[in-house]
N, C-alpha and C. Protein backbone atom coordinates (compact mmCIF):
# COMPACT_ATOMS: atom_id res chain seq x y z
N MET A 1 207.93 198.22 180.92
CA MET A 1 208.88 198.53 179.69
C MET A 1 207.83 197.95 178.49
N SER A 2 208.44 198.26 177.27
CA SER A 2 207.74 197.87 175.99
C SER A 2 208.57 196.34 175.98
N ASP A 3 207.90 196.06 174.86
CA ASP A 3 208.90 194.69 174.40
C ASP A 3 209.66 195.36 173.29
N ASN A 4 209.40 196.27 173.12
CA ASN A 4 209.52 197.00 171.32
C ASN A 4 211.05 197.70 172.07
N ALA A 5 211.45 197.40 173.57
CA ALA A 5 212.61 198.11 173.74
C ALA A 5 213.63 197.79 173.21
N GLY A 6 214.61 199.13 172.67
CA GLY A 6 215.74 198.85 171.84
C GLY A 6 215.38 198.52 170.42
N ALA A 7 214.07 198.33 169.93
CA ALA A 7 213.73 198.25 168.67
C ALA A 7 213.61 199.47 167.84
N LYS A 8 214.44 199.38 166.98
CA LYS A 8 214.21 200.68 166.44
C LYS A 8 214.23 200.36 164.87
N GLY A 9 213.13 201.66 164.53
CA GLY A 9 212.32 201.56 163.27
C GLY A 9 213.69 201.84 162.15
N PRO A 10 212.77 202.60 160.83
CA PRO A 10 213.34 202.45 159.76
C PRO A 10 213.68 204.16 159.91
N GLU A 11 214.92 204.27 160.01
CA GLU A 11 215.64 206.09 159.78
C GLU A 11 214.75 206.67 158.66
N PRO A 12 214.64 207.98 159.25
CA PRO A 12 213.26 208.71 158.24
C PRO A 12 214.04 209.05 156.47
N GLY A 13 215.28 208.94 156.32
CA GLY A 13 215.58 208.71 154.50
C GLY A 13 215.12 207.09 154.53
N GLU A 14 215.04 206.27 155.51
CA GLU A 14 214.87 204.84 154.67
C GLU A 14 213.33 204.57 154.35
N ARG A 15 212.63 205.11 154.95
CA ARG A 15 211.42 204.89 155.08
C ARG A 15 210.99 205.01 153.82
N VAL A 16 209.85 204.16 153.13
CA VAL A 16 208.90 203.92 152.43
C VAL A 16 207.74 204.28 152.27
N ALA A 17 206.58 205.02 152.42
CA ALA A 17 205.85 205.24 152.58
C ALA A 17 204.42 205.46 151.78
N ILE A 18 203.70 204.77 151.40
CA ILE A 18 202.41 204.54 150.37
C ILE A 18 201.12 204.73 151.08
N GLY A 19 200.48 205.18 150.20
CA GLY A 19 198.88 205.25 150.43
C GLY A 19 198.28 204.58 149.34
N ILE A 20 196.80 204.34 150.33
CA ILE A 20 196.27 203.10 149.74
C ILE A 20 194.87 203.46 149.70
N THR A 21 194.40 204.29 148.35
CA THR A 21 192.95 204.16 148.08
C THR A 21 192.34 203.17 147.96
N PHE A 22 191.63 202.60 148.99
CA PHE A 22 190.91 201.08 149.22
C PHE A 22 189.29 201.02 148.54
N GLY A 23 189.12 200.82 147.77
CA GLY A 23 187.46 201.10 147.56
C GLY A 23 187.67 199.82 147.17
N ASN A 24 186.01 200.19 147.26
CA ASN A 24 185.27 198.48 146.80
C ASN A 24 184.92 197.88 145.47
N SER A 25 185.35 199.29 144.34
CA SER A 25 185.49 198.30 143.11
C SER A 25 186.85 198.36 142.90
N ASN A 26 187.29 199.93 142.95
CA ASN A 26 188.52 199.67 142.45
C ASN A 26 189.49 200.80 143.43
N SER A 27 191.01 200.53 143.47
CA SER A 27 191.68 201.41 144.61
C SER A 27 192.93 201.77 143.66
N SER A 28 193.97 202.64 144.47
CA SER A 28 194.74 203.36 144.04
C SER A 28 196.07 202.85 145.05
N ILE A 29 197.18 203.21 144.45
CA ILE A 29 198.23 203.31 145.53
C ILE A 29 198.91 204.66 144.82
N ALA A 30 199.77 205.61 145.64
CA ALA A 30 200.63 206.64 145.88
C ALA A 30 201.85 206.83 146.52
N TYR A 31 202.71 207.71 145.96
CA TYR A 31 203.24 207.98 146.89
C TYR A 31 203.92 209.09 146.65
N THR A 32 204.36 210.06 147.43
CA THR A 32 205.53 211.17 147.20
C THR A 32 206.80 210.87 146.64
N VAL A 33 206.90 212.08 145.90
CA VAL A 33 208.26 212.53 145.64
C VAL A 33 208.13 214.43 144.77
N ASP A 34 209.36 214.73 145.93
CA ASP A 34 209.53 215.80 145.99
C ASP A 34 208.40 216.86 146.23
N ASP A 35 207.58 216.47 147.30
CA ASP A 35 206.33 217.28 147.70
C ASP A 35 205.53 216.87 146.91
N LYS A 36 204.84 216.10 145.74
CA LYS A 36 204.00 215.94 145.18
C LYS A 36 203.81 214.26 145.17
N ALA A 37 202.25 214.20 145.35
CA ALA A 37 201.68 212.82 145.23
C ALA A 37 201.55 212.16 144.23
N GLU A 38 202.07 211.09 143.59
CA GLU A 38 202.11 210.35 142.41
C GLU A 38 201.76 209.00 142.35
N VAL A 39 200.95 209.41 141.56
CA VAL A 39 199.86 207.88 141.76
C VAL A 39 200.48 206.54 140.67
N ILE A 40 201.02 205.60 141.39
CA ILE A 40 201.63 204.32 140.74
C ILE A 40 200.72 203.74 139.99
N ALA A 41 201.55 203.40 138.67
CA ALA A 41 201.01 202.56 137.14
C ALA A 41 200.74 201.49 137.48
N ASN A 42 198.95 201.24 136.89
CA ASN A 42 199.08 200.01 137.62
C ASN A 42 199.52 198.88 136.55
N GLU A 43 199.67 197.52 137.33
CA GLU A 43 200.13 196.48 136.54
C GLU A 43 200.32 195.91 135.04
N ASP A 44 198.53 196.51 134.26
CA ASP A 44 198.49 196.54 133.27
C ASP A 44 199.37 197.73 132.54
N GLY A 45 200.26 198.25 132.58
CA GLY A 45 200.88 199.28 132.44
C GLY A 45 200.40 200.67 132.52
N GLY A 46 200.93 201.90 132.18
CA GLY A 46 200.77 203.03 131.59
C GLY A 46 201.65 203.94 132.27
N ARG A 47 201.88 205.05 132.66
CA ARG A 47 203.01 206.30 132.87
C ARG A 47 202.33 206.34 134.23
N LEU A 48 203.06 207.61 134.82
CA LEU A 48 202.87 207.83 136.47
C LEU A 48 201.64 209.48 135.85
N LEU A 49 201.07 208.99 136.54
CA LEU A 49 200.11 210.40 136.70
C LEU A 49 200.08 211.09 138.08
N THR A 50 199.75 212.21 138.15
CA THR A 50 199.55 212.46 138.91
C THR A 50 198.35 212.89 139.80
N VAL A 51 197.93 212.79 140.74
CA VAL A 51 196.83 212.50 141.65
C VAL A 51 195.22 212.99 141.02
N SER A 52 195.27 213.84 140.25
CA SER A 52 194.20 214.61 139.61
C SER A 52 193.86 213.45 138.32
N CYS A 53 194.61 212.69 138.21
CA CYS A 53 194.54 212.04 137.37
C CYS A 53 194.21 210.29 137.51
N LEU A 54 193.59 210.07 138.45
CA LEU A 54 193.48 209.60 139.65
C LEU A 54 192.93 207.86 138.57
N ILE A 55 191.63 208.41 137.76
CA ILE A 55 190.68 207.33 136.94
C ILE A 55 191.11 206.42 136.25
N ASP A 56 192.70 207.13 135.33
CA ASP A 56 193.76 206.09 134.73
C ASP A 56 194.77 205.19 135.98
N ARG A 57 194.43 205.11 136.97
CA ARG A 57 195.70 204.45 137.47
C ARG A 57 194.63 203.50 138.94
N GLN A 58 193.31 203.27 138.52
CA GLN A 58 192.70 202.61 139.09
C GLN A 58 192.91 201.00 139.35
N ILE A 59 193.06 200.17 140.13
CA ILE A 59 193.35 198.72 140.02
C ILE A 59 191.66 198.00 140.66
N PRO A 60 191.34 197.40 139.81
CA PRO A 60 190.16 196.62 140.40
C PRO A 60 190.39 195.73 141.82
N THR A 61 189.59 196.26 142.76
CA THR A 61 189.81 195.70 144.09
C THR A 61 188.49 194.19 143.79
N VAL A 62 189.68 192.99 142.95
CA VAL A 62 189.23 192.00 142.70
C VAL A 62 190.48 191.47 143.07
N LEU A 63 190.26 189.45 143.11
CA LEU A 63 190.66 188.50 143.64
C LEU A 63 190.81 187.71 142.43
N SER A 64 191.44 186.37 142.12
CA SER A 64 190.82 185.50 141.61
C SER A 64 192.29 184.16 141.31
N TYR A 65 191.19 183.16 141.67
CA TYR A 65 192.38 182.43 141.45
C TYR A 65 191.86 180.82 141.18
N VAL A 66 193.38 180.65 139.91
CA VAL A 66 193.12 179.99 138.61
C VAL A 66 193.98 179.07 138.69
N ASP A 67 194.01 178.02 138.93
CA ASP A 67 195.29 176.63 138.63
C ASP A 67 195.82 176.93 139.57
N GLY A 68 195.56 177.35 141.07
CA GLY A 68 196.79 177.45 142.22
C GLY A 68 197.31 178.59 142.19
N ASP A 69 197.16 179.10 141.04
CA ASP A 69 197.73 180.71 140.72
C ASP A 69 196.48 181.81 141.52
N GLU A 70 197.21 182.87 142.66
CA GLU A 70 196.04 184.13 143.01
C GLU A 70 196.44 185.22 141.77
N TYR A 71 195.35 185.91 141.60
CA TYR A 71 195.59 187.12 140.84
C TYR A 71 195.10 188.18 141.55
N TYR A 72 195.32 189.29 141.00
CA TYR A 72 194.65 190.72 141.18
C TYR A 72 194.45 191.56 140.16
N GLY A 73 193.53 192.65 140.32
CA GLY A 73 193.22 193.97 140.09
C GLY A 73 192.86 193.37 138.19
N GLY A 74 193.55 193.93 137.34
CA GLY A 74 192.92 193.95 136.01
C GLY A 74 192.96 192.53 135.51
N GLN A 75 194.39 191.87 135.79
CA GLN A 75 193.86 190.48 135.51
C GLN A 75 192.93 189.82 135.99
N ALA A 76 192.57 189.32 137.84
CA ALA A 76 191.50 188.82 138.36
C ALA A 76 190.22 189.07 137.82
N LYS A 77 190.00 190.91 137.69
CA LYS A 77 188.78 191.03 136.50
C LYS A 77 188.82 190.34 135.64
N ASN A 78 189.73 189.93 134.88
CA ASN A 78 189.27 189.73 133.39
C ASN A 78 188.51 188.09 133.43
N PHE A 79 188.76 187.34 134.91
CA PHE A 79 188.38 186.22 135.22
C PHE A 79 187.03 186.22 135.27
N LEU A 80 186.49 187.34 135.86
CA LEU A 80 184.83 187.27 136.37
C LEU A 80 183.87 186.83 134.98
N VAL A 81 184.59 186.52 133.82
CA VAL A 81 183.54 186.10 133.00
C VAL A 81 183.92 184.78 132.77
N ARG A 82 185.03 184.02 132.79
CA ARG A 82 185.56 182.58 132.69
C ARG A 82 185.41 181.85 134.11
N ASN A 83 185.61 183.07 134.84
CA ASN A 83 185.98 182.08 136.44
C ASN A 83 185.04 183.01 137.30
N PRO A 84 183.89 182.89 137.61
CA PRO A 84 183.36 183.90 137.95
C PRO A 84 183.42 183.09 139.70
N ASP A 85 182.74 181.64 139.84
CA ASP A 85 182.69 181.38 141.01
C ASP A 85 184.58 181.29 141.95
N ASN A 86 185.63 181.58 141.37
CA ASN A 86 186.81 181.48 141.67
C ASN A 86 187.11 182.83 141.78
N THR A 87 186.47 184.26 141.87
CA THR A 87 186.69 185.29 141.80
C THR A 87 186.07 186.35 142.84
N ILE A 88 186.57 186.67 143.88
CA ILE A 88 186.53 187.16 144.85
C ILE A 88 186.18 188.72 144.36
N ALA A 89 185.07 189.96 143.98
CA ALA A 89 184.63 191.23 143.88
C ALA A 89 184.01 191.53 144.60
N ASN A 90 184.18 193.29 145.13
CA ASN A 90 183.07 193.73 146.01
C ASN A 90 182.96 193.32 147.44
N PHE A 91 184.45 193.07 147.76
CA PHE A 91 184.16 192.64 149.16
C PHE A 91 184.50 193.69 150.29
N ARG A 92 185.40 194.58 149.53
CA ARG A 92 185.51 195.38 151.13
C ARG A 92 184.54 196.36 151.90
N ASP A 93 183.32 196.45 151.34
CA ASP A 93 181.78 196.87 152.19
C ASP A 93 181.68 195.72 152.93
N PHE A 94 181.53 194.18 152.56
CA PHE A 94 181.95 193.48 153.71
C PHE A 94 182.66 193.45 155.11
N LEU A 95 183.23 194.13 154.80
CA LEU A 95 184.59 194.02 155.65
C LEU A 95 184.45 194.15 157.31
N GLY A 96 184.46 193.78 158.44
CA GLY A 96 183.75 193.67 159.31
C GLY A 96 182.15 193.69 159.77
N GLN A 97 181.57 193.00 158.65
CA GLN A 97 180.40 192.74 159.09
C GLN A 97 180.02 191.53 159.63
N GLU A 98 178.85 191.61 159.59
CA GLU A 98 178.12 190.03 159.96
C GLU A 98 177.35 189.69 158.90
N PHE A 99 177.68 188.55 158.78
CA PHE A 99 176.58 188.13 157.34
C PHE A 99 175.68 188.66 157.21
N LYS A 100 174.29 188.60 158.67
CA LYS A 100 173.26 188.91 158.51
C LYS A 100 172.79 190.17 157.91
N SER A 101 173.84 191.24 158.12
CA SER A 101 173.37 192.38 158.08
C SER A 101 173.92 192.68 156.57
N ILE A 102 174.71 191.87 155.87
CA ILE A 102 175.39 192.54 154.58
C ILE A 102 173.93 192.60 153.48
N ASP A 103 174.15 193.13 152.28
CA ASP A 103 173.49 192.95 150.86
C ASP A 103 174.47 192.88 149.64
N PRO A 104 174.25 191.07 149.17
CA PRO A 104 175.11 190.51 148.63
C PRO A 104 174.78 190.93 147.23
N THR A 105 173.91 191.56 146.65
CA THR A 105 173.39 192.36 145.45
C THR A 105 174.74 192.20 144.51
N HIS A 106 175.67 193.50 145.33
CA HIS A 106 176.78 193.10 144.39
C HIS A 106 177.74 192.30 143.67
N SER A 107 177.74 191.35 144.39
CA SER A 107 178.41 189.82 144.20
C SER A 107 177.73 189.28 143.37
N HIS A 108 176.74 189.30 142.59
CA HIS A 108 175.84 188.31 141.67
C HIS A 108 177.02 187.59 140.49
N ALA A 109 177.66 188.16 139.94
CA ALA A 109 178.95 188.00 138.91
C ALA A 109 180.02 187.17 139.69
N SER A 110 179.96 187.34 140.39
CA SER A 110 181.24 186.93 141.24
C SER A 110 181.43 185.70 142.55
N ALA A 111 182.28 185.18 142.76
CA ALA A 111 182.24 184.17 143.99
C ALA A 111 181.29 185.09 144.79
N HIS A 112 180.14 184.14 145.22
CA HIS A 112 179.10 185.16 146.24
C HIS A 112 179.14 184.29 147.55
N PRO A 113 179.06 185.79 148.52
CA PRO A 113 179.55 185.22 149.64
C PRO A 113 178.70 184.64 150.47
N LYS A 114 179.26 183.77 151.43
CA LYS A 114 178.06 183.29 152.39
C LYS A 114 178.71 183.03 154.00
N ASP A 115 177.73 182.30 154.87
CA ASP A 115 177.76 182.67 156.14
C ASP A 115 178.61 181.12 157.09
N VAL A 116 179.73 182.31 157.45
CA VAL A 116 180.30 181.20 158.34
C VAL A 116 180.44 181.44 159.63
N SER A 117 179.65 180.84 160.72
CA SER A 117 179.58 181.21 161.38
C SER A 117 179.37 182.66 162.22
N GLY A 118 178.21 183.54 161.00
CA GLY A 118 177.96 184.63 160.96
C GLY A 118 178.33 185.75 160.45
N THR A 119 179.72 185.18 159.97
CA THR A 119 180.49 186.10 159.09
C THR A 119 180.52 185.95 157.83
N VAL A 120 180.84 186.97 157.07
CA VAL A 120 180.95 186.64 156.14
C VAL A 120 182.23 186.05 155.45
N ALA A 121 182.44 185.14 154.25
CA ALA A 121 183.43 184.27 153.56
C ALA A 121 182.84 184.28 152.38
N PHE A 122 183.86 183.55 151.59
CA PHE A 122 183.76 183.31 150.04
C PHE A 122 184.44 181.79 150.04
N SER A 123 183.69 180.50 149.19
CA SER A 123 184.24 179.49 149.23
C SER A 123 184.68 179.38 147.49
N VAL A 124 186.12 179.44 147.39
CA VAL A 124 186.46 179.47 146.12
C VAL A 124 187.95 178.90 146.24
N LYS A 125 188.40 177.99 144.94
CA LYS A 125 189.12 176.71 144.66
C LYS A 125 190.63 177.48 144.54
N VAL A 126 191.04 177.38 145.40
CA VAL A 126 192.70 178.31 146.14
C VAL A 126 193.48 177.41 145.44
N LYS A 127 193.84 176.58 145.63
CA LYS A 127 195.15 175.62 145.22
C LYS A 127 194.98 174.88 144.34
N ASN A 128 193.84 174.20 143.93
CA ASN A 128 193.26 173.37 143.12
C ASN A 128 191.94 173.00 142.42
N GLU A 129 191.62 172.57 141.41
CA GLU A 129 190.29 172.51 140.89
C GLU A 129 189.41 171.69 141.53
N GLU A 130 189.63 170.47 142.89
CA GLU A 130 189.08 169.71 143.27
C GLU A 130 188.79 169.93 144.73
N GLU A 131 190.03 170.94 145.66
CA GLU A 131 190.07 171.46 147.14
C GLU A 131 188.76 172.84 146.80
N THR A 132 188.02 172.97 147.70
CA THR A 132 187.28 174.19 147.84
C THR A 132 188.22 174.69 149.43
N SER A 133 188.14 176.41 148.96
CA SER A 133 188.55 176.49 150.63
C SER A 133 187.80 178.10 150.72
N THR A 134 187.68 178.35 152.10
CA THR A 134 187.16 179.14 152.78
C THR A 134 187.79 180.10 152.86
N VAL A 135 187.48 181.41 152.18
CA VAL A 135 188.38 182.79 152.83
C VAL A 135 187.33 183.77 153.02
N SER A 136 188.21 184.20 154.16
CA SER A 136 186.89 185.37 155.04
C SER A 136 187.20 186.59 154.49
N VAL A 137 186.49 187.77 154.78
CA VAL A 137 186.18 188.78 154.17
C VAL A 137 187.66 189.35 154.61
N SER A 138 188.08 189.23 155.47
CA SER A 138 189.53 190.01 156.10
C SER A 138 190.54 189.16 155.64
N GLU A 139 190.88 187.91 155.59
CA GLU A 139 192.00 187.11 154.45
C GLU A 139 191.89 187.95 153.11
N ALA A 140 190.76 187.85 152.36
CA ALA A 140 190.71 188.39 151.15
C ALA A 140 191.40 190.08 151.21
N THR A 141 190.74 190.47 152.07
CA THR A 141 191.39 192.20 151.92
C THR A 141 193.13 191.97 152.47
N THR A 142 193.17 191.31 153.27
CA THR A 142 194.44 191.07 153.34
C THR A 142 195.27 190.99 152.67
N ARG A 143 195.34 189.47 151.63
CA ARG A 143 196.13 189.30 150.61
C ARG A 143 196.02 190.19 149.40
N TYR A 144 194.86 190.64 149.23
CA TYR A 144 194.40 191.65 148.08
C TYR A 144 195.62 193.00 148.92
N LEU A 145 195.88 193.66 149.58
CA LEU A 145 196.28 194.99 150.25
C LEU A 145 198.28 194.30 150.45
N ARG A 146 198.37 192.87 150.28
CA ARG A 146 199.63 192.76 150.38
C ARG A 146 200.56 192.53 148.68
N ARG A 147 199.19 192.52 147.60
CA ARG A 147 199.39 192.60 146.43
C ARG A 147 199.68 193.82 145.87
N LEU A 148 199.07 194.91 146.72
CA LEU A 148 199.17 196.00 146.50
C LEU A 148 200.52 196.74 146.92
N VAL A 149 200.68 196.15 147.94
CA VAL A 149 202.23 196.55 148.29
C VAL A 149 203.46 196.02 147.87
N GLY A 150 203.47 195.04 147.92
CA GLY A 150 203.91 194.39 146.98
C GLY A 150 204.23 194.93 145.64
N SER A 151 203.40 195.69 144.61
CA SER A 151 203.20 196.01 143.88
C SER A 151 204.10 197.69 143.69
N ALA A 152 203.56 198.18 144.93
CA ALA A 152 204.60 199.07 144.95
C ALA A 152 206.20 199.16 145.19
N SER A 153 206.35 198.71 145.77
CA SER A 153 207.47 197.55 146.67
C SER A 153 208.29 197.52 144.64
N ASP A 154 207.68 196.24 143.99
CA ASP A 154 208.59 196.40 142.67
C ASP A 154 208.72 197.53 141.99
N TYR A 155 207.49 198.03 141.76
CA TYR A 155 207.79 199.84 140.80
C TYR A 155 208.90 200.38 141.76
N LEU A 156 208.90 200.84 142.90
CA LEU A 156 209.73 201.87 143.68
C LEU A 156 210.88 201.43 143.34
N GLY A 157 211.55 200.51 143.64
CA GLY A 157 212.49 199.45 143.50
C GLY A 157 212.98 199.16 144.96
N LYS A 158 212.32 199.71 146.22
CA LYS A 158 212.42 199.61 147.42
C LYS A 158 211.15 199.08 148.16
N LYS A 159 211.53 198.18 149.42
CA LYS A 159 210.72 197.64 150.57
C LYS A 159 209.81 198.63 150.81
N VAL A 160 208.66 198.45 150.91
CA VAL A 160 207.75 200.27 150.98
C VAL A 160 207.92 199.25 153.03
N THR A 161 208.34 200.46 153.15
CA THR A 161 208.05 200.01 155.07
C THR A 161 206.84 200.72 156.05
N SER A 162 205.88 201.40 155.50
CA SER A 162 204.45 201.55 155.82
C SER A 162 203.46 202.24 154.70
N ALA A 163 202.02 202.19 155.72
CA ALA A 163 201.17 202.47 154.29
C ALA A 163 199.83 203.09 155.04
N VAL A 164 199.50 203.83 154.40
CA VAL A 164 198.34 204.90 155.08
C VAL A 164 197.18 204.18 153.86
N VAL A 165 196.38 203.44 154.90
CA VAL A 165 194.81 202.86 154.32
C VAL A 165 193.93 203.63 154.31
N THR A 166 193.28 204.23 153.06
CA THR A 166 191.89 205.09 153.44
C THR A 166 190.58 204.32 153.48
N VAL A 167 189.42 203.99 154.15
CA VAL A 167 188.36 203.69 154.48
C VAL A 167 187.15 205.14 154.02
N PRO A 168 186.14 204.31 154.04
CA PRO A 168 184.41 205.38 153.96
C PRO A 168 184.67 206.29 154.95
N THR A 169 184.26 207.09 155.02
CA THR A 169 184.30 208.01 156.56
C THR A 169 182.51 207.12 157.31
N ASN A 170 181.84 206.22 156.06
CA ASN A 170 180.59 205.53 157.49
C ASN A 170 181.06 204.39 157.69
N PHE A 171 182.45 204.09 157.16
CA PHE A 171 182.81 202.64 158.60
C PHE A 171 182.90 203.00 159.51
N THR A 172 182.11 202.07 160.14
CA THR A 172 182.41 201.71 161.56
C THR A 172 183.40 201.63 162.09
N GLU A 173 183.60 201.76 163.86
CA GLU A 173 184.81 201.52 164.18
C GLU A 173 185.44 199.82 164.03
N LYS A 174 184.00 198.82 164.34
CA LYS A 174 184.39 197.57 163.67
C LYS A 174 185.04 197.27 162.60
N GLN A 175 184.78 198.09 161.78
CA GLN A 175 184.81 197.97 160.13
C GLN A 175 186.57 198.29 159.83
N ARG A 176 186.63 199.46 160.44
CA ARG A 176 187.93 200.34 160.53
C ARG A 176 189.01 199.38 161.17
N GLU A 177 188.67 198.15 161.83
CA GLU A 177 189.66 197.82 163.22
C GLU A 177 189.90 196.14 162.10
N ALA A 178 189.00 195.71 161.31
CA ALA A 178 188.72 194.48 160.61
C ALA A 178 189.97 194.88 159.37
């Protein structure tokens, strides 16, 4: 017998599902309404557009830490100039990779990836300007995706109960599971 015996998920009418296109440079969030996919406006503003206008709804796949606050998307991307050492960008392709197999070239303008026991991580000052924290690629991905889910919940006015996340077809099984 399963540990979930008797556990009940949301009723079909209560389910709030989203789709996340998780890109190395940009991501986007969509949901369906009246059998049509709608892309959610990013936090920088804008109106709802159909999937054919995705380019206007992209959210930069970036996290930044300033004075103990975490920023994501367009706000985080703005810190690439003023605060590059505490800004994590281009991290999706490092997911599930060993440090020795990555090409960190795309991270030259942001927090540079480092080797932590063979895995990829970043050193950033998350809480304050004195203390450096190590953020793994998996942790950065989790934080970023949680921010997208939170943004979708805020936009829709309902708690998101499920999500489908796209990854590139060339991702290995290890990368998909990470």
